[in-house]
PDB file of all heavy atoms in Angstrom:
ATOM      1  N   ASP A   1     167.011  99.895  94.453  1.00  0.00           N
ATOM      2  CA  ASP A   1     166.652 101.355  94.703  1.00  0.00           C
ATOM      3  C   ASP A   1     165.168 101.580  94.705  1.00  0.00           C
ATOM      4  O   ASP A   1     164.721 102.568  95.291  1.00  0.00           O
ATOM      5  CB  ASP A   1     167.324 102.220  93.730  1.00  0.00           C
ATOM      6  CG  ASP A   1     166.970 101.942  92.326  1.00  0.00           C
ATOM      7  OD1 ASP A   1     166.390 100.829  91.949  1.00  0.00           O
ATOM      8  OD2 ASP A   1     167.291 102.781  91.323  1.00  0.00           O
ATOM      9  N   LEU A   2     164.401 100.663  94.082  1.00  0.00           N
ATOM     10  CA  LEU A   2     162.887 100.960  94.161  1.00  0.00           C
ATOM     11  C   LEU A   2     162.354 100.866  95.549  1.00  0.00           C
ATOM     12  O   LEU A   2     161.519 101.657  96.010  1.00  0.00           O
ATOM     13  CB  LEU A   2     162.182  99.907  93.260  1.00  0.00           C
ATOM     14  CG  LEU A   2     160.648  99.897  93.328  1.00  0.00           C
ATOM     15  CD1 LEU A   2     160.186 101.260  92.750  1.00  0.00           C
ATOM     16  CD2 LEU A   2     160.068  98.840  92.391  1.00  0.00           C
ATOM     17  N   LEU A   3     162.863  99.948  96.385  1.00  0.00           N
ATOM     18  CA  LEU A   3     162.339  99.790  97.751  1.00  0.00           C
ATOM     19  C   LEU A   3     163.040 100.828  98.679  1.00  0.00           C
ATOM     20  O   LEU A   3     162.455 101.095  99.689  1.00  0.00           O
ATOM     21  CB  LEU A   3     162.763  98.395  98.275  1.00  0.00           C
ATOM     22  CG  LEU A   3     161.872  97.241  97.591  1.00  0.00           C
ATOM     23  CD1 LEU A   3     162.396  95.913  98.131  1.00  0.00           C
ATOM     24  CD2 LEU A   3     160.458  97.373  97.724  1.00  0.00           C
ATOM     25  N   THR A   4     164.182 101.338  98.429  1.00  0.00           N
ATOM     26  CA  THR A   4     164.734 102.283  99.361  1.00  0.00           C
ATOM     27  C   THR A   4     164.600 103.737  98.964  1.00  0.00           C
ATOM     28  O   THR A   4     164.938 104.560  99.720  1.00  0.00           O
ATOM     29  CB  THR A   4     166.370 101.912  99.429  1.00  0.00           C
ATOM     30  OG1 THR A   4     166.913 101.988  98.100  1.00  0.00           O
ATOM     31  CG2 THR A   4     166.458 100.514  99.955  1.00  0.00           C
ATOM     32  N   ARG A   5     164.132 104.002  97.729  1.00  0.00           N
ATOM     33  CA  ARG A   5     164.085 105.382  97.379  1.00  0.00           C
ATOM     34  C   ARG A   5     162.913 106.103  98.110  1.00  0.00           C
ATOM     35  O   ARG A   5     161.789 105.505  98.220  1.00  0.00           O
ATOM     36  CB  ARG A   5     163.749 105.452  95.820  1.00  0.00           C
ATOM     37  CG  ARG A   5     163.650 106.843  95.352  1.00  0.00           C
ATOM     38  CD  ARG A   5     163.523 106.821  93.820  1.00  0.00           C
ATOM     39  NE  ARG A   5     163.468 108.177  93.378  1.00  0.00           N
ATOM     40  CZ  ARG A   5     163.250 108.532  92.061  1.00  0.00           C
ATOM     41  NH1 ARG A   5     163.146 107.629  91.190  1.00  0.00           N
ATOM     42  NH2 ARG A   5     163.234 109.849  91.715  1.00  0.00           N
ATOM     43  N   VAL A   6     163.180 107.210  98.586  1.00  0.00           N
ATOM     44  CA  VAL A   6     162.137 108.060  99.388  1.00  0.00           C
ATOM     45  C   VAL A   6     161.833 109.317  98.565  1.00  0.00           C
ATOM     46  O   VAL A   6     162.765 109.901  98.036  1.00  0.00           O
ATOM     47  CB  VAL A   6     162.689 108.410 100.774  1.00  0.00           C
ATOM     48  CG1 VAL A   6     161.689 109.226 101.501  1.00  0.00           C
ATOM     49  CG2 VAL A   6     163.001 107.151 101.513  1.00  0.00           C
ATOM     50  N   GLY A   7     160.639 109.734  98.590  1.00  0.00           N
ATOM     51  CA  GLY A   7     160.185 110.908  97.834  1.00  0.00           C
ATOM     52  C   GLY A   7     159.870 110.732  96.354  1.00  0.00           C
ATOM     53  O   GLY A   7     159.780 111.674  95.674  1.00  0.00           O
ATOM     54  N   CYS A   8     159.772 109.553  95.946  1.00  0.00           N
ATOM     55  CA  CYS A   8     159.350 109.194  94.569  1.00  0.00           C
ATOM     56  C   CYS A   8     157.833 109.378  94.356  1.00  0.00           C
ATOM     57  O   CYS A   8     157.067 109.435  95.289  1.00  0.00           O
ATOM     58  CB  CYS A   8     159.823 107.843  94.102  1.00  0.00           C
ATOM     59  SG  CYS A   8     159.100 106.489  95.008  1.00  0.00           S
ATOM     60  N   ARG A   9     157.424 109.441  93.107  1.00  0.00           N
ATOM     61  CA  ARG A   9     156.015 109.654  92.716  1.00  0.00           C
ATOM     62  C   ARG A   9     155.540 108.339  92.193  1.00  0.00           C
ATOM     63  O   ARG A   9     156.134 107.821  91.218  1.00  0.00           O
ATOM     64  CB  ARG A   9     155.919 110.769  91.785  1.00  0.00           C
ATOM     65  CG  ARG A   9     154.519 111.348  91.691  1.00  0.00           C
ATOM     66  CD  ARG A   9     154.527 112.693  90.991  1.00  0.00           C
ATOM     67  NE  ARG A   9     153.315 113.388  91.143  1.00  0.00           N
ATOM     68  CZ  ARG A   9     152.470 113.697  90.191  1.00  0.00           C
ATOM     69  NH1 ARG A   9     152.810 113.265  88.880  1.00  0.00           N
ATOM     70  NH2 ARG A   9     151.342 114.350  90.318  1.00  0.00           N
ATOM     71  N   ILE A  10     154.602 107.697  92.803  1.00  0.00           N
ATOM     72  CA  ILE A  10     154.122 106.367  92.419  1.00  0.00           C
ATOM     73  C   ILE A  10     152.656 106.487  91.825  1.00  0.00           C
ATOM     74  O   ILE A  10     151.764 106.857  92.573  1.00  0.00           O
ATOM     75  CB  ILE A  10     154.136 105.385  93.589  1.00  0.00           C
ATOM     76  CG1 ILE A  10     155.570 105.410  94.115  1.00  0.00           C
ATOM     77  CG2 ILE A  10     153.699 104.043  93.224  1.00  0.00           C
ATOM     78  CD1 ILE A  10     155.701 104.692  95.481  1.00  0.00           C
ATOM     79  N   GLY A  11     152.489 106.057  90.635  1.00  0.00           N
ATOM     80  CA  GLY A  11     151.110 106.041  90.097  1.00  0.00           C
ATOM     81  C   GLY A  11     150.515 104.618  90.297  1.00  0.00           C
ATOM     82  O   GLY A  11     151.103 103.607  90.112  1.00  0.00           O
ATOM     83  N   VAL A  12     149.333 104.612  90.852  1.00  0.00           N
ATOM     84  CA  VAL A  12     148.575 103.367  91.168  1.00  0.00           C
ATOM     85  C   VAL A  12     147.182 103.418  90.390  1.00  0.00           C
ATOM     86  O   VAL A  12     146.480 104.294  90.686  1.00  0.00           O
ATOM     87  CB  VAL A  12     148.398 103.241  92.721  1.00  0.00           C
ATOM     88  CG1 VAL A  12     147.604 101.985  92.938  1.00  0.00           C
ATOM     89  CG2 VAL A  12     149.638 103.247  93.458  1.00  0.00           C
ATOM     90  N   VAL A  13     147.085 102.368  89.587  1.00  0.00           N
ATOM     91  CA  VAL A  13     145.803 102.316  88.781  1.00  0.00           C
ATOM     92  C   VAL A  13     144.752 101.712  89.757  1.00  0.00           C
ATOM     93  O   VAL A  13     144.907 100.560  90.197  1.00  0.00           O
ATOM     94  CB  VAL A  13     146.015 101.498  87.574  1.00  0.00           C
ATOM     95  CG1 VAL A  13     144.618 101.315  86.842  1.00  0.00           C
ATOM     96  CG2 VAL A  13     146.910 102.231  86.543  1.00  0.00           C
ATOM     97  N   VAL A  14     143.676 102.528  89.979  1.00  0.00           N
ATOM     98  CA  VAL A  14     142.518 101.942  90.739  1.00  0.00           C
ATOM     99  C   VAL A  14     141.281 102.404  89.991  1.00  0.00           C
ATOM    100  O   VAL A  14     140.985 103.584  89.968  1.00  0.00           O
ATOM    101  CB  VAL A  14     142.477 102.410  92.107  1.00  0.00           C
ATOM    102  CG1 VAL A  14     141.263 101.957  92.857  1.00  0.00           C
ATOM    103  CG2 VAL A  14     143.756 102.040  92.904  1.00  0.00           C
ATOM    104  N   ASP A  15     140.493 101.474  89.368  1.00  0.00           N
ATOM    105  CA  ASP A  15     139.300 101.874  88.701  1.00  0.00           C
ATOM    106  C   ASP A  15     138.517 100.600  88.607  1.00  0.00           C
ATOM    107  O   ASP A  15     138.746  99.553  89.277  1.00  0.00           O
ATOM    108  CB  ASP A  15     139.555 102.498  87.340  1.00  0.00           C
ATOM    109  CG  ASP A  15     140.301 101.608  86.469  1.00  0.00           C
ATOM    110  OD1 ASP A  15     140.488 100.401  86.645  1.00  0.00           O
ATOM    111  OD2 ASP A  15     140.846 102.179  85.418  1.00  0.00           O
ATOM    112  N   SER A  16     137.414 100.692  87.790  1.00  0.00           N
ATOM    113  CA  SER A  16     136.460  99.560  87.709  1.00  0.00           C
ATOM    114  C   SER A  16     137.159  98.299  87.078  1.00  0.00           C
ATOM    115  O   SER A  16     136.704  97.158  87.238  1.00  0.00           O
ATOM    116  CB  SER A  16     135.253  99.901  86.884  1.00  0.00           C
ATOM    117  OG  SER A  16     135.659 100.471  85.626  1.00  0.00           O
ATOM    118  N   ALA A  17     138.199  98.479  86.277  1.00  0.00           N
ATOM    119  CA  ALA A  17     138.849  97.323  85.647  1.00  0.00           C
ATOM    120  C   ALA A  17     139.953  96.722  86.561  1.00  0.00           C
ATOM    121  O   ALA A  17     140.243  95.558  86.506  1.00  0.00           O
ATOM    122  CB  ALA A  17     139.445  97.724  84.334  1.00  0.00           C
ATOM    123  N   PHE A  18     140.639  97.634  87.328  1.00  0.00           N
ATOM    124  CA  PHE A  18     141.721  97.186  88.224  1.00  0.00           C
ATOM    125  C   PHE A  18     141.528  97.563  89.655  1.00  0.00           C
ATOM    126  O   PHE A  18     141.795  98.739  90.018  1.00  0.00           O
ATOM    127  CB  PHE A  18     143.036  97.736  87.678  1.00  0.00           C
ATOM    128  CG  PHE A  18     143.296  97.431  86.278  1.00  0.00           C
ATOM    129  CD1 PHE A  18     143.032  98.301  85.267  1.00  0.00           C
ATOM    130  CD2 PHE A  18     143.759  96.183  85.849  1.00  0.00           C
ATOM    131  CE1 PHE A  18     143.176  98.036  83.930  1.00  0.00           C
ATOM    132  CE2 PHE A  18     144.060  95.772  84.553  1.00  0.00           C
ATOM    133  CZ  PHE A  18     143.741  96.807  83.552  1.00  0.00           C
ATOM    134  N   ASN A  19     140.907  96.729  90.416  1.00  0.00           N
ATOM    135  CA  ASN A  19     140.431  97.133  91.724  1.00  0.00           C
ATOM    136  C   ASN A  19     140.995  96.276  92.908  1.00  0.00           C
ATOM    137  O   ASN A  19     140.548  96.246  93.950  1.00  0.00           O
ATOM    138  CB  ASN A  19     138.945  97.181  91.844  1.00  0.00           C
ATOM    139  CG  ASN A  19     138.279  95.986  91.221  1.00  0.00           C
ATOM    140  OD1 ASN A  19     138.806  94.841  91.326  1.00  0.00           O
ATOM    141  ND2 ASN A  19     137.171  96.189  90.543  1.00  0.00           N
ATOM    142  N   PHE A  20     142.000  95.377  92.510  1.00  0.00           N
ATOM    143  CA  PHE A  20     142.509  94.536  93.528  1.00  0.00           C
ATOM    144  C   PHE A  20     143.985  94.885  93.843  1.00  0.00           C
ATOM    145  O   PHE A  20     144.847  94.813  92.942  1.00  0.00           O
ATOM    146  CB  PHE A  20     142.449  93.009  93.168  1.00  0.00           C
ATOM    147  CG  PHE A  20     143.014  92.148  94.258  1.00  0.00           C
ATOM    148  CD1 PHE A  20     142.408  91.719  95.307  1.00  0.00           C
ATOM    149  CD2 PHE A  20     144.378  91.673  94.089  1.00  0.00           C
ATOM    150  CE1 PHE A  20     142.973  90.956  96.280  1.00  0.00           C
ATOM    151  CE2 PHE A  20     144.969  90.923  95.052  1.00  0.00           C
ATOM    152  CZ  PHE A  20     144.282  90.602  96.199  1.00  0.00           C
ATOM    153  N   HIS A  21     144.268  95.347  95.018  1.00  0.00           N
ATOM    154  CA  HIS A  21     145.604  95.710  95.445  1.00  0.00           C
ATOM    155  C   HIS A  21     145.776  95.178  96.874  1.00  0.00           C
ATOM    156  O   HIS A  21     144.907  95.314  97.666  1.00  0.00           O
ATOM    157  CB  HIS A  21     145.868  97.203  95.368  1.00  0.00           C
ATOM    158  CG  HIS A  21     145.875  97.758  94.055  1.00  0.00           C
ATOM    159  ND1 HIS A  21     147.082  97.690  93.277  1.00  0.00           N
ATOM    160  CD2 HIS A  21     144.905  98.471  93.360  1.00  0.00           C
ATOM    161  CE1 HIS A  21     146.845  98.370  92.151  1.00  0.00           C
ATOM    162  NE2 HIS A  21     145.578  98.746  92.074  1.00  0.00           N
ATOM    163  N   TYR A  22     146.948  94.599  97.206  1.00  0.00           N
ATOM    164  CA  TYR A  22     147.232  94.178  98.612  1.00  0.00           C
ATOM    165  C   TYR A  22     147.328  95.442  99.401  1.00  0.00           C
ATOM    166  O   TYR A  22     148.088  96.412  99.003  1.00  0.00           O
ATOM    167  CB  TYR A  22     148.522  93.310  98.635  1.00  0.00           C
ATOM    168  CG  TYR A  22     148.377  92.027  97.986  1.00  0.00           C
ATOM    169  CD1 TYR A  22     148.834  91.825  96.667  1.00  0.00           C
ATOM    170  CD2 TYR A  22     147.656  91.018  98.637  1.00  0.00           C
ATOM    171  CE1 TYR A  22     148.730  90.572  96.128  1.00  0.00           C
ATOM    172  CE2 TYR A  22     147.524  89.755  98.112  1.00  0.00           C
ATOM    173  CZ  TYR A  22     148.073  89.506  96.784  1.00  0.00           C
ATOM    174  OH  TYR A  22     147.840  88.325  96.194  1.00  0.00           O
ATOM    175  N   PRO A  23     146.676  95.588 100.504  1.00  0.00           N
ATOM    176  CA  PRO A  23     146.809  96.735 101.447  1.00  0.00           C
ATOM    177  C   PRO A  23     148.286  97.095 101.735  1.00  0.00           C
ATOM    178  O   PRO A  23     148.669  98.297 101.705  1.00  0.00           O
ATOM    179  CB  PRO A  23     145.970  96.472 102.656  1.00  0.00           C
ATOM    180  CG  PRO A  23     145.072  95.436 102.216  1.00  0.00           C
ATOM    181  CD  PRO A  23     145.775  94.634 101.093  1.00  0.00           C
ATOM    182  N   GLU A  24     149.098  96.064 101.889  1.00  0.00           N
ATOM    183  CA  GLU A  24     150.503  96.293 102.280  1.00  0.00           C
ATOM    184  C   GLU A  24     151.266  97.010 101.169  1.00  0.00           C
ATOM    185  O   GLU A  24     152.224  97.818 101.376  1.00  0.00           O
ATOM    186  CB  GLU A  24     151.160  94.944 102.662  1.00  0.00           C
ATOM    187  CG  GLU A  24     150.578  94.246 103.864  1.00  0.00           C
ATOM    188  CD  GLU A  24     149.352  93.445 103.514  1.00  0.00           C
ATOM    189  OE1 GLU A  24     148.857  93.415 102.371  1.00  0.00           O
ATOM    190  OE2 GLU A  24     148.842  92.792 104.484  1.00  0.00           O
ATOM    191  N   LEU A  25     150.872  96.671  99.899  1.00  0.00           N
ATOM    192  CA  LEU A  25     151.565  97.312  98.790  1.00  0.00           C
ATOM    193  C   LEU A  25     151.261  98.834  98.749  1.00  0.00           C
ATOM    194  O   LEU A  25     152.138  99.599  98.538  1.00  0.00           O
ATOM    195  CB  LEU A  25     151.101  96.693  97.462  1.00  0.00           C
ATOM    196  CG  LEU A  25     151.758  97.181  96.175  1.00  0.00           C
ATOM    197  CD1 LEU A  25     153.246  97.009  96.183  1.00  0.00           C
ATOM    198  CD2 LEU A  25     151.072  96.586  94.965  1.00  0.00           C
ATOM    199  N   LEU A  26     149.966  99.213  99.009  1.00  0.00           N
ATOM    200  CA  LEU A  26     149.593 100.592  99.003  1.00  0.00           C
ATOM    201  C   LEU A  26     150.216 101.255 100.127  1.00  0.00           C
ATOM    202  O   LEU A  26     150.678 102.541 100.027  1.00  0.00           O
ATOM    203  CB  LEU A  26     148.139 100.687  99.096  1.00  0.00           C
ATOM    204  CG  LEU A  26     147.329 100.117  97.821  1.00  0.00           C
ATOM    205  CD1 LEU A  26     145.826 100.309  97.994  1.00  0.00           C
ATOM    206  CD2 LEU A  26     147.844 100.674  96.509  1.00  0.00           C
ATOM    207  N   GLU A  27     150.269 100.651 101.266  1.00  0.00           N
ATOM    208  CA  GLU A  27     150.970 101.275 102.525  1.00  0.00           C
ATOM    209  C   GLU A  27     152.334 101.530 102.214  1.00  0.00           C
ATOM    210  O   GLU A  27     152.870 102.584 102.615  1.00  0.00           O
ATOM    211  CB  GLU A  27     150.771 100.396 103.654  1.00  0.00           C
ATOM    212  CG  GLU A  27     149.351 100.210 104.233  1.00  0.00           C
ATOM    213  CD  GLU A  27     149.116  99.129 105.223  1.00  0.00           C
ATOM    214  OE1 GLU A  27     150.183  98.488 105.608  1.00  0.00           O
ATOM    215  OE2 GLU A  27     148.015  98.960 105.677  1.00  0.00           O
ATOM    216  N   GLU A  28     153.037 100.570 101.640  1.00  0.00           N
ATOM    217  CA  GLU A  28     154.480 100.793 101.245  1.00  0.00           C
ATOM    218  C   GLU A  28     154.712 101.904 100.289  1.00  0.00           C
ATOM    219  O   GLU A  28     155.623 102.726 100.400  1.00  0.00           O
ATOM    220  CB  GLU A  28     155.066  99.469 100.692  1.00  0.00           C
ATOM    221  CG  GLU A  28     156.566  99.458 100.508  1.00  0.00           C
ATOM    222  CD  GLU A  28     157.349  99.466 101.764  1.00  0.00           C
ATOM    223  OE1 GLU A  28     156.748  99.147 102.819  1.00  0.00           O
ATOM    224  OE2 GLU A  28     158.531  99.800 101.711  1.00  0.00           O
ATOM    225  N   ALA A  29     153.794 101.930  99.366  1.00  0.00           N
ATOM    226  CA  ALA A  29     153.918 103.086  98.298  1.00  0.00           C
ATOM    227  C   ALA A  29     153.732 104.398  98.977  1.00  0.00           C
ATOM    228  O   ALA A  29     154.462 105.318  98.651  1.00  0.00           O
ATOM    229  CB  ALA A  29     152.827 102.891  97.231  1.00  0.00           C
ATOM    230  N   GLU A  30     152.766 104.561  99.869  1.00  0.00           N
ATOM    231  CA  GLU A  30     152.530 105.783 100.595  1.00  0.00           C
ATOM    232  C   GLU A  30     153.736 106.128 101.511  1.00  0.00           C
ATOM    233  O   GLU A  30     153.983 107.330 101.643  1.00  0.00           O
ATOM    234  CB  GLU A  30     151.207 105.794 101.426  1.00  0.00           C
ATOM    235  CG  GLU A  30     150.062 105.726 100.449  1.00  0.00           C
ATOM    236  CD  GLU A  30     148.686 105.465 101.206  1.00  0.00           C
ATOM    237  OE1 GLU A  30     148.725 105.232 102.432  1.00  0.00           O
ATOM    238  OE2 GLU A  30     147.702 105.512 100.601  1.00  0.00           O
ATOM    239  N   ALA A  31     154.386 105.143 101.964  1.00  0.00           N
ATOM    240  CA  ALA A  31     155.617 105.371 102.823  1.00  0.00           C
ATOM    241  C   ALA A  31     156.732 105.853 102.114  1.00  0.00           C
ATOM    242  O   ALA A  31     157.619 106.615 102.619  1.00  0.00           O
ATOM    243  CB  ALA A  31     155.896 104.149 103.673  1.00  0.00           C
ATOM    244  N   LEU A  32     156.822 105.469 100.870  1.00  0.00           N
ATOM    245  CA  LEU A  32     158.018 105.783  99.963  1.00  0.00           C
ATOM    246  C   LEU A  32     157.856 107.152  99.351  1.00  0.00           C
ATOM    247  O   LEU A  32     158.806 107.728  98.959  1.00  0.00           O
ATOM    248  CB  LEU A  32     158.143 104.729  98.903  1.00  0.00           C
ATOM    249  CG  LEU A  32     158.573 103.391  99.322  1.00  0.00           C
ATOM    250  CD1 LEU A  32     158.554 102.378  98.247  1.00  0.00           C
ATOM    251  CD2 LEU A  32     160.023 103.473  99.894  1.00  0.00           C
ATOM    252  N   GLY A  33     156.601 107.673  99.139  1.00  0.00           N
ATOM    253  CA  GLY A  33     156.508 108.924  98.467  1.00  0.00           C
ATOM    254  C   GLY A  33     155.064 109.231  98.193  1.00  0.00           C
ATOM    255  O   GLY A  33     154.159 108.827  98.792  1.00  0.00           O
ATOM    256  N   GLU A  34     154.834 110.115  97.167  1.00  0.00           N
ATOM    257  CA  GLU A  34     153.548 110.658  96.810  1.00  0.00           C
ATOM    258  C   GLU A  34     152.846 109.537  95.874  1.00  0.00           C
ATOM    259  O   GLU A  34     153.451 109.076  95.002  1.00  0.00           O
ATOM    260  CB  GLU A  34     153.684 111.915  96.006  1.00  0.00           C
ATOM    261  CG  GLU A  34     152.340 112.376  95.555  1.00  0.00           C
ATOM    262  CD  GLU A  34     152.438 113.677  94.534  1.00  0.00           C
ATOM    263  OE1 GLU A  34     153.632 113.980  94.279  1.00  0.00           O
ATOM    264  OE2 GLU A  34     151.465 114.144  94.141  1.00  0.00           O
ATOM    265  N   VAL A  35     151.606 109.163  96.212  1.00  0.00           N
ATOM    266  CA  VAL A  35     150.872 108.203  95.476  1.00  0.00           C
ATOM    267  C   VAL A  35     149.852 109.015  94.669  1.00  0.00           C
ATOM    268  O   VAL A  35     149.064 109.821  95.144  1.00  0.00           O
ATOM    269  CB  VAL A  35     150.172 107.239  96.420  1.00  0.00           C
ATOM    270  CG1 VAL A  35     149.283 106.289  95.530  1.00  0.00           C
ATOM    271  CG2 VAL A  35     151.188 106.397  97.084  1.00  0.00           C
ATOM    272  N   VAL A  36     149.816 108.741  93.397  1.00  0.00           N
ATOM    273  CA  VAL A  36     148.881 109.356  92.384  1.00  0.00           C
ATOM    274  C   VAL A  36     147.946 108.252  91.938  1.00  0.00           C
ATOM    275  O   VAL A  36     148.386 107.284  91.314  1.00  0.00           O
ATOM    276  CB  VAL A  36     149.597 110.021  91.202  1.00  0.00           C
ATOM    277  CG1 VAL A  36     148.569 110.692  90.319  1.00  0.00           C
ATOM    278  CG2 VAL A  36     150.608 111.047  91.752  1.00  0.00           C
ATOM    279  N   TYR A  37     146.633 108.353  92.215  1.00  0.00           N
ATOM    280  CA  TYR A  37     145.710 107.307  91.758  1.00  0.00           C
ATOM    281  C   TYR A  37     145.259 107.658  90.397  1.00  0.00           C
ATOM    282  O   TYR A  37     144.934 108.780  90.034  1.00  0.00           O
ATOM    283  CB  TYR A  37     144.541 107.218  92.751  1.00  0.00           C
ATOM    284  CG  TYR A  37     145.028 106.561  94.022  1.00  0.00           C
ATOM    285  CD1 TYR A  37     145.328 107.401  95.159  1.00  0.00           C
ATOM    286  CD2 TYR A  37     145.158 105.336  94.215  1.00  0.00           C
ATOM    287  CE1 TYR A  37     145.827 106.872  96.344  1.00  0.00           C
ATOM    288  CE2 TYR A  37     145.563 104.632  95.383  1.00  0.00           C
ATOM    289  CZ  TYR A  37     145.826 105.510  96.429  1.00  0.00           C
ATOM    290  OH  TYR A  37     146.277 104.915  97.603  1.00  0.00           O
ATOM    291  N   LEU A  38     145.265 106.622  89.486  1.00  0.00           N
ATOM    292  CA  LEU A  38     144.963 106.749  88.111  1.00  0.00           C
ATOM    293  C   LEU A  38     143.854 105.787  87.659  1.00  0.00           C
ATOM    294  O   LEU A  38     143.527 104.765  88.392  1.00  0.00           O
ATOM    295  CB  LEU A  38     146.238 106.409  87.316  1.00  0.00           C
ATOM    296  CG  LEU A  38     147.510 107.098  87.687  1.00  0.00           C
ATOM    297  CD1 LEU A  38     148.685 106.467  86.978  1.00  0.00           C
ATOM    298  CD2 LEU A  38     147.409 108.565  87.394  1.00  0.00           C
ATOM    299  N   SER A  39     143.283 106.107  86.569  1.00  0.00           N
ATOM    300  CA  SER A  39     142.199 105.220  85.932  1.00  0.00           C
ATOM    301  C   SER A  39     142.521 105.030  84.452  1.00  0.00           C
ATOM    302  O   SER A  39     142.638 105.878  83.695  1.00  0.00           O
ATOM    303  CB  SER A  39     140.810 105.932  86.013  1.00  0.00           C
ATOM    304  OG  SER A  39     139.893 105.132  85.211  1.00  0.00           O
ATOM    305  N   VAL A  40     142.871 103.738  84.277  1.00  0.00           N
ATOM    306  CA  VAL A  40     143.074 103.330  82.846  1.00  0.00           C
ATOM    307  C   VAL A  40     141.952 103.543  81.936  1.00  0.00           C
ATOM    308  O   VAL A  40     142.028 103.808  80.777  1.00  0.00           O
ATOM    309  CB  VAL A  40     143.527 101.880  82.753  1.00  0.00           C
ATOM    310  CG1 VAL A  40     143.579 101.312  81.388  1.00  0.00           C
ATOM    311  CG2 VAL A  40     144.854 101.626  83.508  1.00  0.00           C
ATOM    312  N   ALA A  41     140.660 103.459  82.586  1.00  0.00           N
ATOM    313  CA  ALA A  41     139.515 103.624  81.711  1.00  0.00           C
ATOM    314  C   ALA A  41     139.158 105.021  81.421  1.00  0.00           C
ATOM    315  O   ALA A  41     138.631 105.383  80.401  1.00  0.00           O
ATOM    316  CB  ALA A  41     138.335 102.976  82.449  1.00  0.00           C
ATOM    317  N   ARG A  42     139.487 105.955  82.328  1.00  0.00           N
ATOM    318  CA  ARG A  42     139.020 107.375  82.152  1.00  0.00           C
ATOM    319  C   ARG A  42     140.166 108.393  81.819  1.00  0.00           C
ATOM    320  O   ARG A  42     139.937 109.255  81.007  1.00  0.00           O
ATOM    321  CB  ARG A  42     138.400 107.873  83.471  1.00  0.00           C
ATOM    322  CG  ARG A  42     137.124 107.235  83.839  1.00  0.00           C
ATOM    323  CD  ARG A  42     136.398 107.901  84.955  1.00  0.00           C
ATOM    324  NE  ARG A  42     137.325 108.261  86.058  1.00  0.00           N
ATOM    325  CZ  ARG A  42     137.482 107.437  87.068  1.00  0.00           C
ATOM    326  NH1 ARG A  42     136.926 106.262  87.176  1.00  0.00           N
ATOM    327  NH2 ARG A  42     138.465 107.827  88.061  1.00  0.00           N
ATOM    328  N   ASP A  43     141.329 108.249  82.387  1.00  0.00           N
ATOM    329  CA  ASP A  43     142.411 109.165  82.242  1.00  0.00           C
ATOM    330  C   ASP A  43     142.911 109.120  80.711  1.00  0.00           C
ATOM    331  O   ASP A  43     143.101 108.115  80.113  1.00  0.00           O
ATOM    332  CB  ASP A  43     143.577 108.896  83.204  1.00  0.00           C
ATOM    333  CG  ASP A  43     143.184 109.106  84.655  1.00  0.00           C
ATOM    334  OD1 ASP A  43     142.075 109.708  84.871  1.00  0.00           O
ATOM    335  OD2 ASP A  43     143.901 108.712  85.565  1.00  0.00           O
ATOM    336  N   GLY A  44     143.225 110.439  80.284  1.00  0.00           N
ATOM    337  CA  GLY A  44     143.630 110.519  78.975  1.00  0.00           C
ATOM    338  C   GLY A  44     145.195 110.514  78.752  1.00  0.00           C
ATOM    339  O   GLY A  44     145.736 110.419  77.708  1.00  0.00           O
ATOM    340  N   ALA A  45     145.859 110.716  79.874  1.00  0.00           N
ATOM    341  CA  ALA A  45     147.334 110.817  79.895  1.00  0.00           C
ATOM    342  C   ALA A  45     147.934 110.135  81.109  1.00  0.00           C
ATOM    343  O   ALA A  45     147.238 110.074  82.199  1.00  0.00           O
ATOM    344  CB  ALA A  45     147.771 112.148  79.744  1.00  0.00           C
TER     345      ALA A  45
END
């Protein structure tokens, strides 16, 4: 169901510590639902 679910909310960590993502993965995430970009270094929650 992870691959077929539409309309889900996907959190993607992108910051100075985690900056390598395959473009295809991000494209798939955006096709499946809303992508929320996060920072492990800065975000408090």
